[in-house]
Amino acid sequence: MSIIKDLKNDLLKRREVKLVVEAEANPGYGKALELVAEKFNANKDNIVVKELKSKFGRHTFLIDAFIYNSITDKETTEPKKKIKKAAPGAK
């Protein structure tokens, strides 16, 4: 695992990181979250994995993540997830 970018953003109270990870298969967002938490010794609740990319045929994956200082900083900065409404007449 190698670090490409490690930037401290004081305005948004977070640390912006980019990592390259080698794996046989796509690690998925859950495993990427664990890798970032382990590497930077951070709480999983304060981390948001923004992007997980790879190119066809390669075993390297780019993880783009934000590590917030606290959960409240994360909740105020990150957009809220929309709740899907049920279709009318559906049970």
N, C-alpha and C. Protein backbone atom coordinates (compact mmCIF):
# COMPACT_ATOMS: atom_id res chain seq x y z
N MET A 1 0.85 -1.17 0.00
CA MET A 1 0.00 0.00 0.00
C MET A 1 0.90 1.24 0.00
N SER A 2 0.66 2.13 -0.94
CA SER A 2 1.45 3.36 -1.00
C SER A 2 0.53 4.57 -1.01
N ILE A 3 1.00 5.64 -0.39
CA ILE A 3 0.23 6.89 -0.30
C ILE A 3 0.63 7.79 -1.45
N ILE A 4 -0.37 8.22 -2.22
CA ILE A 4 -0.12 9.14 -3.33
C ILE A 4 -0.30 10.58 -2.88
N LYS A 5 -1.37 10.83 -2.11
CA LYS A 5 -1.67 12.19 -1.67
C LYS A 5 -2.14 12.15 -0.22
N ASP A 6 -1.65 13.07 0.57
CA ASP A 6 -2.08 13.21 1.97
C ASP A 6 -2.14 14.71 2.25
N LEU A 7 -3.36 15.26 2.23
CA LEU A 7 -3.55 16.70 2.36
C LEU A 7 -4.45 16.98 3.55
N LYS A 8 -4.05 17.93 4.38
CA LYS A 8 -4.88 18.33 5.51
C LYS A 8 -5.69 19.56 5.11
N ASN A 9 -7.02 19.44 5.19
CA ASN A 9 -7.93 20.51 4.83
C ASN A 9 -8.53 21.07 6.12
N ASP A 10 -7.96 22.19 6.59
CA ASP A 10 -8.40 22.78 7.86
C ASP A 10 -9.78 23.42 7.76
N LEU A 11 -10.14 23.91 6.59
CA LEU A 11 -11.44 24.56 6.42
C LEU A 11 -12.58 23.56 6.63
N LEU A 12 -12.47 22.37 6.04
CA LEU A 12 -13.51 21.36 6.17
C LEU A 12 -13.22 20.35 7.29
N LYS A 13 -12.15 20.56 8.02
CA LYS A 13 -11.78 19.73 9.17
C LYS A 13 -11.66 18.26 8.80
N ARG A 14 -10.85 18.01 7.76
CA ARG A 14 -10.65 16.63 7.32
C ARG A 14 -9.27 16.47 6.70
N ARG A 15 -8.91 15.22 6.51
CA ARG A 15 -7.67 14.84 5.87
C ARG A 15 -8.05 14.13 4.57
N GLU A 16 -7.53 14.57 3.44
CA GLU A 16 -7.86 13.98 2.15
C GLU A 16 -6.69 13.11 1.70
N VAL A 17 -6.97 11.83 1.49
CA VAL A 17 -5.90 10.89 1.15
C VAL A 17 -6.23 10.10 -0.12
N LYS A 18 -5.18 9.72 -0.83
CA LYS A 18 -5.29 8.82 -1.97
C LYS A 18 -4.25 7.72 -1.77
N LEU A 19 -4.68 6.49 -1.91
CA LEU A 19 -3.81 5.33 -1.73
C LEU A 19 -3.88 4.41 -2.93
N VAL A 20 -2.81 3.68 -3.16
CA VAL A 20 -2.81 2.62 -4.15
C VAL A 20 -2.62 1.31 -3.41
N VAL A 21 -3.54 0.37 -3.63
CA VAL A 21 -3.52 -0.92 -2.95
C VAL A 21 -3.43 -2.03 -3.99
N GLU A 22 -2.62 -3.03 -3.71
CA GLU A 22 -2.54 -4.19 -4.60
C GLU A 22 -3.38 -5.32 -4.01
N ALA A 23 -4.24 -5.91 -4.87
CA ALA A 23 -5.09 -7.02 -4.44
C ALA A 23 -5.45 -7.84 -5.68
N GLU A 24 -5.79 -9.10 -5.45
CA GLU A 24 -6.18 -9.98 -6.55
C GLU A 24 -7.58 -9.64 -7.08
N ALA A 25 -8.47 -9.23 -6.19
CA ALA A 25 -9.84 -8.89 -6.57
C ALA A 25 -10.18 -7.52 -6.00
N ASN A 26 -11.24 -6.92 -6.52
CA ASN A 26 -11.70 -5.62 -6.05
C ASN A 26 -12.01 -5.71 -4.56
N PRO A 27 -11.36 -4.87 -3.73
CA PRO A 27 -11.58 -4.95 -2.29
C PRO A 27 -12.97 -4.49 -1.86
N GLY A 28 -13.66 -3.67 -2.62
CA GLY A 28 -14.97 -3.17 -2.22
C GLY A 28 -14.82 -2.02 -1.23
N TYR A 29 -15.91 -1.29 -1.05
CA TYR A 29 -15.86 -0.11 -0.19
C TYR A 29 -15.66 -0.47 1.29
N GLY A 30 -16.21 -1.58 1.73
CA GLY A 30 -16.05 -2.00 3.13
C GLY A 30 -14.61 -2.31 3.47
N LYS A 31 -13.96 -3.09 2.63
CA LYS A 31 -12.55 -3.45 2.84
C LYS A 31 -11.65 -2.23 2.68
N ALA A 32 -11.99 -1.33 1.73
CA ALA A 32 -11.22 -0.10 1.54
C ALA A 32 -11.30 0.78 2.79
N LEU A 33 -12.47 0.83 3.39
CA LEU A 33 -12.66 1.59 4.63
C LEU A 33 -11.78 1.03 5.74
N GLU A 34 -11.72 -0.29 5.86
CA GLU A 34 -10.87 -0.93 6.86
C GLU A 34 -9.39 -0.66 6.61
N LEU A 35 -8.97 -0.69 5.34
CA LEU A 35 -7.57 -0.44 5.01
C LEU A 35 -7.15 0.99 5.36
N VAL A 36 -8.01 1.96 5.06
CA VAL A 36 -7.71 3.36 5.37
C VAL A 36 -7.67 3.56 6.88
N ALA A 37 -8.62 2.97 7.61
CA ALA A 37 -8.66 3.11 9.07
C ALA A 37 -7.41 2.50 9.71
N GLU A 38 -6.98 1.37 9.18
CA GLU A 38 -5.79 0.70 9.72
C GLU A 38 -4.52 1.48 9.41
N LYS A 39 -4.41 1.99 8.20
CA LYS A 39 -3.20 2.70 7.77
C LYS A 39 -3.01 4.01 8.53
N PHE A 40 -4.09 4.76 8.75
CA PHE A 40 -3.99 6.08 9.38
C PHE A 40 -4.43 6.08 10.84
N ASN A 41 -4.70 4.91 11.39
CA ASN A 41 -5.08 4.77 12.80
C ASN A 41 -6.25 5.70 13.14
N ALA A 42 -7.32 5.58 12.34
CA ALA A 42 -8.49 6.45 12.50
C ALA A 42 -9.73 5.61 12.78
N ASN A 43 -10.74 6.27 13.33
CA ASN A 43 -12.02 5.62 13.61
C ASN A 43 -12.78 5.42 12.29
N LYS A 44 -13.37 4.25 12.08
CA LYS A 44 -14.09 3.96 10.85
C LYS A 44 -15.29 4.87 10.64
N ASP A 45 -15.89 5.34 11.73
CA ASP A 45 -17.07 6.21 11.63
C ASP A 45 -16.72 7.59 11.07
N ASN A 46 -15.45 7.98 11.14
CA ASN A 46 -15.02 9.29 10.67
C ASN A 46 -14.52 9.28 9.24
N ILE A 47 -14.56 8.13 8.56
CA ILE A 47 -13.98 7.98 7.23
C ILE A 47 -15.08 7.85 6.18
N VAL A 48 -14.87 8.50 5.04
CA VAL A 48 -15.75 8.36 3.89
C VAL A 48 -14.88 7.97 2.70
N VAL A 49 -15.17 6.82 2.09
CA VAL A 49 -14.47 6.40 0.88
C VAL A 49 -15.23 7.00 -0.29
N LYS A 50 -14.60 7.94 -0.99
CA LYS A 50 -15.25 8.64 -2.08
C LYS A 50 -15.19 7.85 -3.38
N GLU A 51 -14.05 7.20 -3.63
CA GLU A 51 -13.87 6.56 -4.91
C GLU A 51 -12.97 5.34 -4.77
N LEU A 52 -13.26 4.34 -5.56
CA LEU A 52 -12.47 3.12 -5.61
C LEU A 52 -12.36 2.75 -7.08
N LYS A 53 -11.16 2.94 -7.67
CA LYS A 53 -11.00 2.75 -9.11
C LYS A 53 -9.90 1.77 -9.43
N SER A 54 -10.02 1.17 -10.61
CA SER A 54 -9.00 0.29 -11.14
C SER A 54 -9.10 0.32 -12.66
N LYS A 55 -8.09 -0.25 -13.30
CA LYS A 55 -8.13 -0.38 -14.75
C LYS A 55 -8.17 -1.86 -15.09
N PHE A 56 -8.75 -2.17 -16.20
CA PHE A 56 -8.95 -3.55 -16.62
C PHE A 56 -7.62 -4.31 -16.67
N GLY A 57 -7.60 -5.48 -16.03
CA GLY A 57 -6.44 -6.36 -16.07
C GLY A 57 -5.36 -6.04 -15.06
N ARG A 58 -5.53 -5.02 -14.28
CA ARG A 58 -4.51 -4.67 -13.28
C ARG A 58 -4.95 -5.12 -11.90
N HIS A 59 -3.99 -5.28 -11.04
CA HIS A 59 -4.27 -5.69 -9.67
C HIS A 59 -4.01 -4.55 -8.69
N THR A 60 -4.03 -3.31 -9.19
CA THR A 60 -3.86 -2.15 -8.33
C THR A 60 -5.17 -1.37 -8.30
N PHE A 61 -5.50 -0.85 -7.13
CA PHE A 61 -6.75 -0.13 -6.93
C PHE A 61 -6.45 1.21 -6.27
N LEU A 62 -7.08 2.26 -6.77
CA LEU A 62 -6.91 3.61 -6.23
C LEU A 62 -8.06 3.90 -5.28
N ILE A 63 -7.72 4.23 -4.05
CA ILE A 63 -8.72 4.57 -3.03
C ILE A 63 -8.61 6.05 -2.74
N ASP A 64 -9.72 6.77 -2.89
CA ASP A 64 -9.80 8.19 -2.57
C ASP A 64 -10.73 8.33 -1.37
N ALA A 65 -10.20 8.84 -0.25
CA ALA A 65 -10.98 8.88 0.99
C ALA A 65 -10.78 10.18 1.74
N PHE A 66 -11.77 10.50 2.57
CA PHE A 66 -11.71 11.64 3.48
C PHE A 66 -11.74 11.11 4.91
N ILE A 67 -10.84 11.61 5.75
CA ILE A 67 -10.82 11.24 7.17
C ILE A 67 -11.16 12.51 7.95
N TYR A 68 -12.34 12.52 8.55
CA TYR A 68 -12.80 13.70 9.30
C TYR A 68 -12.28 13.67 10.72
N ASN A 69 -12.18 14.85 11.33
CA ASN A 69 -11.71 14.96 12.71
C ASN A 69 -12.72 14.38 13.70
N SER A 70 -14.01 14.52 13.40
CA SER A 70 -15.04 14.00 14.29
C SER A 70 -16.27 13.62 13.47
N ILE A 71 -17.19 12.91 14.10
CA ILE A 71 -18.41 12.49 13.42
C ILE A 71 -19.29 13.69 13.08
N THR A 72 -19.32 14.69 13.96
CA THR A 72 -20.14 15.88 13.69
C THR A 72 -19.61 16.65 12.48
N ASP A 73 -18.28 16.70 12.30
CA ASP A 73 -17.70 17.35 11.13
C ASP A 73 -18.11 16.60 9.86
N LYS A 74 -18.12 15.29 9.95
CA LYS A 74 -18.52 14.46 8.80
C LYS A 74 -19.98 14.69 8.45
N GLU A 75 -20.84 14.72 9.46
CA GLU A 75 -22.28 14.88 9.22
C GLU A 75 -22.62 16.25 8.66
N THR A 76 -21.90 17.28 9.06
CA THR A 76 -22.20 18.62 8.57
C THR A 76 -21.67 18.86 7.16
N THR A 77 -20.60 18.17 6.78
CA THR A 77 -19.97 18.39 5.48
C THR A 77 -20.52 17.48 4.39
N GLU A 78 -20.69 16.21 4.69
CA GLU A 78 -21.14 15.24 3.69
C GLU A 78 -22.62 15.43 3.35
N PRO A 79 -22.98 15.25 2.06
CA PRO A 79 -24.39 15.38 1.69
C PRO A 79 -25.22 14.24 2.29
N LYS A 80 -26.46 14.55 2.59
CA LYS A 80 -27.36 13.56 3.16
C LYS A 80 -27.85 12.61 2.07
N LYS A 81 -28.07 11.35 2.42
CA LYS A 81 -28.60 10.39 1.47
C LYS A 81 -30.09 10.60 1.35
N LYS A 82 -30.59 10.52 0.13
CA LYS A 82 -32.01 10.70 -0.11
C LYS A 82 -32.76 9.42 0.22
N ILE A 83 -33.94 9.58 0.79
CA ILE A 83 -34.78 8.43 1.13
C ILE A 83 -35.77 8.24 -0.02
N LYS A 84 -35.80 7.03 -0.55
CA LYS A 84 -36.71 6.74 -1.66
C LYS A 84 -38.12 6.59 -1.13
N LYS A 85 -39.04 7.19 -1.83
CA LYS A 85 -40.44 7.09 -1.46
C LYS A 85 -41.07 5.89 -2.15
N ALA A 86 -41.98 5.25 -1.50
CA ALA A 86 -42.70 4.12 -2.09
C ALA A 86 -43.67 4.64 -3.13
N ALA A 87 -43.87 3.86 -4.17
CA ALA A 87 -44.80 4.25 -5.22
C ALA A 87 -46.23 4.22 -4.66
N PRO A 88 -47.09 5.11 -5.14
CA PRO A 88 -48.47 5.13 -4.63
C PRO A 88 -49.17 3.80 -4.93
N GLY A 89 -49.84 3.25 -3.93
CA GLY A 89 -50.55 1.99 -4.08
C GLY A 89 -49.67 0.77 -3.84
N ALA A 90 -48.36 0.95 -3.67
CA ALA A 90 -47.46 -0.19 -3.43
C ALA A 90 -47.45 -0.51 -1.94
N LYS A 91 -47.30 -1.79 -1.63
CA LYS A 91 -47.26 -2.21 -0.23
C LYS A 91 -45.89 -2.63 0.16
